[in-house]
Amino acid sequence: RYSSTILETVTSLSAALIFILGIRHRKDIYDVLGNREGN
């Protein structure tokens, strides 16, 4: 059953990475929009 636990950890880690990357990307978009509005 080690393979199943490894799969679960990998899937959870990948989901966390996607979530963090999505937040970063969203923040970058907001920064660009803010700069456009400021300029």
Protein backbone atom coordinates (compact mmCIF):
# COMPACT_ATOMS: atom_id res chain seq x y z
CA ARG A 1 0.00 0.00 0.00
CA TYR A 2 3.04 2.31 -0.13
CA SER A 3 2.29 3.19 -3.76
CA SER A 4 -1.19 4.44 -2.87
CA THR A 5 0.12 6.73 -0.13
CA ILE A 6 2.83 8.05 -2.47
CA LEU A 7 0.19 8.76 -5.11
CA GLU A 8 -1.95 10.59 -2.56
CA THR A 9 0.98 12.73 -1.40
CA VAL A 10 2.01 13.50 -5.00
CA THR A 11 -1.54 14.49 -5.97
CA SER A 12 -1.92 16.68 -2.88
CA LEU A 13 1.46 18.34 -3.49
CA SER A 14 0.65 18.96 -7.16
CA ALA A 15 -2.72 20.46 -6.19
CA ALA A 16 -1.01 22.74 -3.66
CA LEU A 17 1.57 23.82 -6.26
CA ILE A 18 -1.16 24.58 -8.81
CA PHE A 19 -3.06 26.55 -6.14
CA ILE A 20 0.02 28.58 -5.16
CA LEU A 21 0.95 29.21 -8.81
CA GLY A 22 -2.62 30.31 -9.53
CA ILE A 23 -2.53 32.78 -6.64
CA ARG A 24 0.82 34.14 -7.85
CA HIS A 25 -0.45 34.48 -11.41
CA ARG A 26 -3.62 36.21 -10.18
CA LYS A 27 -1.52 38.62 -8.08
CA ASP A 28 0.65 39.43 -11.11
CA ILE A 29 -2.47 40.18 -13.18
CA TYR A 30 -3.79 42.46 -10.42
CA ASP A 31 -0.40 44.24 -10.25
CA VAL A 32 -0.44 44.82 -14.02
CA LEU A 33 -4.02 46.14 -13.86
CA GLY A 34 -3.08 48.40 -10.94
CA ASN A 35 -0.07 49.76 -12.82
CA ARG A 36 -2.23 50.44 -15.89
CA GLU A 37 -4.79 52.28 -13.77
CA GLY A 38 -2.03 54.25 -11.99
CA ASN A 39 -0.41 55.28 -15.26
